[in-house]
């Protein structure tokens, strides 16, 4: 848990640094917005605030678990992408639904203790995620306002699919069917095979900026809390080779223990393979770019359309 908290703190510090760089040149614009937004929100009908937008996510993804430290190695950072639809309900609340696709990996070779290097385990997996998320902005956000910059927090629910694999003698091998920790064996009745489709809890923080009245960009850090310890196919203690062999065969025995010692594995049953006390996490951190689809703001500067969209007449200062 200590390692995870350090990881969260480092991510937040990185986000604050990026925000500072982005925010300083816009202080004057932000001050003008604060001066005028009271008038805008006081007099503008609620239906003018609501809007729909569609966007994409360009991100990096990685994971935290038994085969990765709280400060991830650059070797386990992967490019990720996604798309979403967002509904801006009012200046403070927005809701979005989306799909993300990325990859995660872990390797004992990148860890800092000799024990992990001797364990010699590694994995890779694709992550496919669908999510529903609510966003809350402490400060009002207007898609109708140029250069409106706000901080937001988000949380929701997601369904994701993963399937860890490794390479053995040059061949790609999926790990879940092998039950490398004795899952499903009568010798280990408490160890059940894990599902490849599961639920996670996405949450995080970010900033979004309305560059134009039809274009919004953002940056966010997104944590995913899972309820499985098997994103990396590693969780608890080594199982007896005979039990694994009887259950899923010799290949499972070879991949259950890859330490560079004797091949009998007789000294390993019951020894620590992973830590079952902490579930695995994965992350999507990146940039969002979205475009308005349905909003009265798209017609806002056309005088003939103001009455139709119930937009109030604004002074030049408030534009």
Protein backbone atom coordinates (compact mmCIF):
# COMPACT_ATOMS: atom_id res chain seq x y z
CA UNK A 1 0.00 0.00 0.00
CA UNK A 2 2.91 2.33 0.77
CA UNK A 3 4.31 1.77 -2.69
CA UNK A 4 0.95 2.53 -4.30
CA UNK A 5 0.58 5.78 -2.35
CA UNK A 6 4.02 6.86 -3.52
CA UNK A 7 2.99 6.07 -7.09
CA UNK A 8 -0.17 8.18 -6.72
CA UNK A 9 1.81 11.08 -5.22
CA UNK A 10 4.37 11.03 -8.05
CA UNK A 11 1.56 11.03 -10.64
CA UNK A 12 -0.17 13.98 -8.96
CA UNK A 13 3.10 15.94 -8.82
CA UNK A 14 3.62 15.32 -12.53
CA UNK A 15 0.11 16.57 -13.29
CA UNK A 16 0.62 19.68 -11.15
CA UNK A 17 3.85 20.47 -13.01
CA UNK A 18 2.13 20.18 -16.38
CA UNK A 19 -0.76 22.30 -15.14
CA UNK A 20 1.56 25.03 -13.87
CA UNK A 21 3.32 25.27 -17.23
CA UNK A 22 -0.01 25.38 -19.05
CA UNK A 23 -1.75 27.74 -16.61
CA UNK A 24 0.74 30.56 -16.15
CA UNK A 25 0.34 32.06 -19.66
CA UNK A 26 -3.46 31.96 -19.28
CA UNK A 27 -3.81 33.77 -15.97
CA UNK A 28 -4.96 36.97 -17.65
CA UNK A 29 -7.54 35.11 -19.72
CA UNK A 30 -8.73 33.24 -16.62
CA UNK A 31 -9.13 36.52 -14.72
CA UNK A 32 -11.26 37.96 -17.52
CA UNK A 33 -13.38 34.81 -17.47
CA UNK A 34 -13.94 35.04 -13.70
CA UNK A 35 -14.96 38.69 -14.13
CA UNK A 36 -17.60 37.92 -16.77
CA UNK A 37 -18.84 34.39 -16.04
CA UNK A 38 -21.12 35.54 -13.20
CA UNK A 39 -23.15 37.56 -15.68
CA UNK A 40 -23.13 34.78 -18.25
CA UNK A 41 -24.33 32.04 -15.92
CA UNK A 42 -26.80 34.27 -14.13
CA UNK A 43 -28.63 35.26 -17.30
CA UNK A 44 -28.06 32.36 -19.68
CA UNK A 45 -30.84 29.72 -19.76
CA UNK A 46 -29.80 26.26 -18.57
CA UNK A 47 -30.45 24.66 -21.96
CA UNK A 48 -27.65 26.75 -23.45
CA UNK A 49 -25.13 25.11 -21.10
CA UNK A 50 -25.92 21.53 -22.04
CA UNK A 51 -23.86 20.07 -24.89
CA UNK A 52 -22.68 16.83 -26.47
CA UNK A 53 -19.15 16.20 -27.69
CA UNK A 54 -17.16 13.33 -29.15
CA UNK A 55 -13.46 12.89 -28.55
CA UNK A 56 -10.36 10.74 -28.50
CA UNK A 57 -7.81 9.80 -25.84
CA UNK A 58 -4.08 9.63 -26.58
CA UNK A 59 -2.37 8.11 -23.57
CA UNK A 60 0.17 5.83 -21.99
CA UNK A 61 -0.81 2.81 -19.94
CA UNK A 62 1.01 0.66 -17.41
CA UNK A 63 0.19 -1.47 -14.41
CA UNK A 64 1.19 -1.88 -10.76
CA UNK A 65 1.41 -5.37 -9.29
CA UNK A 66 3.75 -8.24 -8.45
CA UNK A 67 5.94 -7.71 -11.54
CA UNK A 68 6.21 -3.92 -11.44
CA UNK A 69 7.41 -1.37 -8.89
CA UNK A 70 5.63 1.80 -7.82
CA UNK A 71 7.91 3.81 -10.14
CA UNK A 72 7.39 2.06 -13.50
CA UNK A 73 10.31 1.31 -15.76
CA UNK A 74 10.10 3.06 -19.16
CA UNK A 75 10.18 -0.45 -20.64
CA UNK A 76 6.68 -1.21 -19.31
CA UNK A 77 5.03 2.02 -20.53
CA UNK A 78 2.81 1.45 -23.55
CA UNK A 79 0.89 3.67 -25.96
CA UNK A 80 -2.88 3.59 -25.55
CA UNK A 81 -5.84 5.13 -27.30
CA UNK A 82 -9.58 5.45 -26.98
CA UNK A 83 -12.69 7.39 -27.84
CA UNK A 84 -15.57 8.80 -25.80
CA UNK A 85 -18.85 10.71 -25.89
CA UNK A 86 -19.31 13.41 -23.23
CA UNK A 87 -22.49 15.16 -22.12
CA UNK A 88 -21.94 18.51 -20.39
CA UNK A 89 -24.99 18.61 -18.11
CA UNK A 90 -24.23 21.95 -16.43
CA UNK A 91 -21.16 24.09 -15.64
CA UNK A 92 -20.09 21.69 -12.88
CA UNK A 93 -21.11 18.19 -13.96
CA UNK A 94 -20.39 16.16 -17.09
CA UNK A 95 -20.86 12.50 -17.92
CA UNK A 96 -19.00 10.40 -20.45
CA UNK A 97 -18.99 6.91 -21.89
CA UNK A 98 -16.01 5.52 -23.74
CA UNK A 99 -13.74 2.72 -24.81
CA UNK A 100 -9.97 2.48 -24.22
CA UNK A 101 -7.44 0.02 -25.60
CA UNK A 102 -3.88 -0.35 -24.41
CA UNK A 103 -1.32 -2.84 -23.16
CA UNK A 104 0.34 -3.64 -19.86
CA UNK A 105 3.44 -5.67 -19.06
CA UNK A 106 5.79 -6.57 -16.22
CA UNK A 107 9.19 -8.18 -15.99
CA UNK A 108 11.32 -9.24 -13.03
CA UNK A 109 14.39 -8.12 -14.98
CA UNK A 110 13.37 -4.48 -14.34
CA UNK A 111 12.91 -4.85 -10.57
CA UNK A 112 15.50 -3.82 -8.04
CA UNK A 113 15.96 -6.89 -5.80
CA UNK A 114 17.96 -10.00 -6.68
CA UNK A 115 15.06 -12.16 -5.46
CA UNK A 116 12.84 -10.80 -8.22
CA UNK A 117 15.52 -11.24 -10.85
CA UNK A 118 15.94 -14.87 -9.75
CA UNK A 119 12.17 -15.39 -9.94
CA UNK A 120 12.50 -14.48 -13.64
CA UNK A 121 8.80 -14.07 -14.41
CA UNK A 122 7.33 -11.77 -17.05
CA UNK A 123 4.04 -11.15 -18.82
CA UNK A 124 2.24 -8.96 -21.33
CA UNK A 125 -1.47 -8.35 -21.86
CA UNK A 126 -3.82 -6.20 -23.89
CA UNK A 127 -6.40 -4.20 -21.96
CA UNK A 128 -9.78 -3.47 -23.54
CA UNK A 129 -12.01 -1.28 -21.39
CA UNK A 130 -15.49 0.20 -21.62
CA UNK A 131 -16.43 2.76 -18.99
CA UNK A 132 -19.08 5.14 -17.67
CA UNK A 133 -17.65 8.16 -15.82
CA UNK A 134 -18.96 11.25 -14.01
CA UNK A 135 -16.84 14.43 -13.98
CA UNK A 136 -17.09 17.19 -11.39
CA UNK A 137 -15.51 20.64 -11.77
CA UNK A 138 -15.26 22.79 -8.61
CA UNK A 139 -15.17 25.85 -10.89
CA UNK A 140 -17.79 26.42 -13.61
CA UNK A 141 -16.85 25.31 -17.10
CA UNK A 142 -18.43 26.71 -20.26
CA UNK A 143 -18.06 25.17 -23.70
CA UNK A 144 -19.34 28.54 -24.96
CA UNK A 145 -16.39 30.41 -23.50
CA UNK A 146 -13.05 30.61 -25.27
CA UNK A 147 -10.07 29.55 -23.16
CA UNK A 148 -12.17 28.39 -20.24
CA UNK A 149 -9.76 26.28 -18.13
CA UNK A 150 -10.93 24.17 -15.19
CA UNK A 151 -9.72 21.35 -12.99
CA UNK A 152 -11.99 18.32 -12.72
CA UNK A 153 -12.22 15.07 -10.80
CA UNK A 154 -13.80 11.91 -12.12
CA UNK A 155 -14.96 8.49 -10.99
CA UNK A 156 -17.09 5.74 -12.44
CA UNK A 157 -17.25 2.06 -13.31
CA UNK A 158 -15.58 0.05 -16.06
CA UNK A 159 -15.64 -3.43 -17.53
CA UNK A 160 -12.29 -4.60 -18.89
CA UNK A 161 -10.84 -7.67 -20.59
CA UNK A 162 -7.25 -8.89 -20.20
CA UNK A 163 -5.37 -12.06 -21.12
CA UNK A 164 -1.79 -12.38 -19.81
CA UNK A 165 0.76 -14.15 -21.97
CA UNK A 166 4.50 -14.77 -22.15
CA UNK A 167 7.01 -16.23 -24.58
CA UNK A 168 8.54 -19.67 -24.10
CA UNK A 169 11.12 -20.99 -26.56
CA UNK A 170 10.07 -18.26 -28.96
CA UNK A 171 6.38 -19.18 -28.83
CA UNK A 172 3.60 -17.01 -27.45
CA UNK A 173 1.78 -18.80 -24.61
CA UNK A 174 -1.36 -17.59 -22.84
CA UNK A 175 -1.02 -18.14 -19.09
CA UNK A 176 -4.56 -18.25 -17.72
CA UNK A 177 -5.46 -21.72 -19.15
CA UNK A 178 -2.28 -23.19 -17.60
CA UNK A 179 -3.31 -22.48 -13.99
CA UNK A 180 0.31 -21.84 -13.04
CA UNK A 181 -0.49 -21.53 -9.32
CA UNK A 182 -2.55 -24.71 -9.14
CA UNK A 183 -5.95 -23.08 -9.75
CA UNK A 184 -8.58 -25.75 -10.29
CA UNK A 185 -6.38 -28.55 -8.92
CA UNK A 186 -7.94 -30.83 -6.26
CA UNK A 187 -4.73 -30.29 -4.28
CA UNK A 188 -5.56 -26.55 -4.03
CA UNK A 189 -9.37 -26.36 -3.74
CA UNK A 190 -9.21 -22.77 -2.44
CA UNK A 191 -7.51 -21.55 -5.64
CA UNK A 192 -10.07 -20.89 -8.36
CA UNK A 193 -9.34 -20.05 -12.03
CA UNK A 194 -9.61 -16.30 -12.56
CA UNK A 195 -11.96 -14.63 -15.06
CA UNK A 196 -10.49 -12.64 -17.95
CA UNK A 197 -13.34 -10.10 -18.00
CA UNK A 198 -13.74 -8.13 -14.80
CA UNK A 199 -14.89 -4.85 -13.26
CA UNK A 200 -12.63 -1.96 -12.28
CA UNK A 201 -13.19 1.44 -10.68
CA UNK A 202 -11.74 4.32 -12.74
CA UNK A 203 -10.99 7.57 -10.92
CA UNK A 204 -8.59 10.45 -11.21
CA UNK A 205 -8.17 14.13 -11.98
CA UNK A 206 -7.38 16.38 -14.89
CA UNK A 207 -7.74 19.76 -16.57
CA UNK A 208 -9.76 20.71 -19.63
CA UNK A 209 -9.59 23.83 -21.77
CA UNK A 210 -12.12 25.16 -24.29
CA UNK A 211 -9.80 26.38 -27.05
CA UNK A 212 -12.64 27.32 -29.35
CA UNK A 213 -16.40 27.07 -29.14
CA UNK A 214 -16.23 23.66 -30.80
CA UNK A 215 -12.87 22.28 -29.58
CA UNK A 216 -11.86 21.14 -26.09
CA UNK A 217 -8.53 19.65 -25.01
CA UNK A 218 -7.57 18.13 -21.69
CA UNK A 219 -4.96 16.22 -19.75
CA UNK A 220 -5.76 13.63 -17.10
CA UNK A 221 -4.33 10.97 -14.84
CA UNK A 222 -6.58 7.93 -14.55
CA UNK A 223 -6.27 5.17 -11.95
CA UNK A 224 -8.04 1.83 -12.31
CA UNK A 225 -8.65 -0.17 -9.15
CA UNK A 226 -9.28 -3.81 -9.99
CA UNK A 227 -10.60 -6.66 -7.89
CA UNK A 228 -8.15 -9.27 -9.18
CA UNK A 229 -4.55 -10.09 -8.32
CA UNK A 230 -3.99 -11.89 -11.61
CA UNK A 231 -3.41 -9.19 -14.22
CA UNK A 232 0.13 -10.58 -14.29
CA UNK A 233 -0.81 -14.26 -13.56
CA UNK A 234 1.05 -13.95 -10.23
CA UNK A 235 -0.62 -13.85 -6.82
CA UNK A 236 0.32 -16.30 -4.08
CA UNK A 237 2.75 -19.19 -3.40
CA UNK A 238 4.33 -21.77 -5.69
CA UNK A 239 2.20 -24.86 -6.18
CA UNK A 240 3.58 -28.42 -6.21
CA UNK A 241 4.88 -29.37 -9.69
CA UNK A 242 3.09 -32.73 -9.57
CA UNK A 243 -0.24 -31.03 -8.91
CA UNK A 244 0.30 -28.58 -11.78
CA UNK A 245 1.41 -31.32 -14.17
CA UNK A 246 -1.61 -33.48 -13.37
CA UNK A 247 -3.90 -30.51 -13.84
CA UNK A 248 -2.59 -28.75 -16.98
CA UNK A 249 0.61 -30.50 -18.11
CA UNK A 250 4.34 -30.01 -18.40
CA UNK A 251 4.26 -26.60 -20.10
CA UNK A 252 2.43 -25.21 -17.07
CA UNK A 253 5.16 -26.63 -14.80
CA UNK A 254 7.86 -24.94 -16.89
CA UNK A 255 6.13 -21.54 -16.76
CA UNK A 256 5.09 -21.76 -13.12
CA UNK A 257 8.71 -21.53 -12.01
CA UNK A 258 11.31 -19.98 -14.31
CA UNK A 259 14.12 -19.58 -11.79
CA UNK A 260 17.54 -20.55 -13.17
CA UNK A 261 17.98 -23.39 -10.69
CA UNK A 262 17.45 -27.15 -11.01
CA UNK A 263 14.41 -28.22 -13.02
CA UNK A 264 12.82 -30.41 -10.37
CA UNK A 265 11.24 -27.44 -8.56
CA UNK A 266 10.90 -29.64 -5.47
CA UNK A 267 12.17 -26.92 -3.17
CA UNK A 268 9.60 -24.34 -4.29
CA UNK A 269 6.10 -25.50 -3.20
CA UNK A 270 4.79 -23.13 -0.53
CA UNK A 271 7.46 -20.49 -1.18
CA UNK A 272 6.34 -16.94 -2.00
CA UNK A 273 5.59 -16.35 -5.69
CA UNK A 274 3.49 -13.20 -5.29
CA UNK A 275 1.71 -11.09 -2.68
CA UNK A 276 -2.01 -11.95 -2.43
CA UNK A 277 -2.73 -9.10 0.00
CA UNK A 278 -2.87 -6.39 -2.68
CA UNK A 279 -4.89 -6.32 -5.88
CA UNK A 280 -3.41 -5.18 -9.19
CA UNK A 281 -3.93 -1.73 -10.71
CA UNK A 282 -3.67 -0.34 -14.22
CA UNK A 283 -3.54 3.26 -15.45
CA UNK A 284 -4.53 5.42 -18.42
CA UNK A 285 -2.74 8.80 -18.39
CA UNK A 286 -2.94 11.12 -21.35
CA UNK A 287 -4.48 13.85 -23.46
CA UNK A 288 -8.10 14.20 -24.54
CA UNK A 289 -9.25 16.06 -27.66
CA UNK A 290 -12.97 16.51 -28.26
CA UNK A 291 -15.27 18.37 -30.62
CA UNK A 292 -18.77 19.67 -29.95
CA UNK A 293 -21.56 17.88 -31.79
CA UNK A 294 -24.70 19.40 -30.33
CA UNK A 295 -24.58 22.77 -28.60
CA UNK A 296 -26.32 26.14 -28.97
CA UNK A 297 -22.83 27.62 -28.69
CA UNK A 298 -22.08 26.47 -32.25
CA UNK A 299 -24.59 29.09 -33.43
CA UNK A 300 -23.92 31.58 -30.69
CA UNK A 301 -22.29 34.29 -32.81
CA UNK A 302 -24.94 34.26 -35.52
CA UNK A 303 -27.35 37.10 -34.56
CA UNK A 304 -30.25 35.54 -36.46
CA UNK A 305 -29.89 32.33 -34.42
CA UNK A 306 -29.63 33.89 -30.96
CA UNK A 307 -33.38 34.06 -30.48
CA UNK A 308 -33.82 30.48 -31.72
CA UNK A 309 -31.24 29.15 -29.25
CA UNK A 310 -32.36 31.50 -26.45
CA UNK A 311 -28.90 33.03 -26.17
CA UNK A 312 -28.88 36.37 -24.33
CA UNK A 313 -27.37 39.43 -25.93
CA UNK A 314 -23.90 39.83 -24.55
CA UNK A 315 -21.71 42.90 -24.36
CA UNK A 316 -18.47 42.82 -26.30
CA UNK A 317 -16.63 42.44 -23.01
CA UNK A 318 -18.49 39.26 -22.13
CA UNK A 319 -17.72 37.47 -25.45
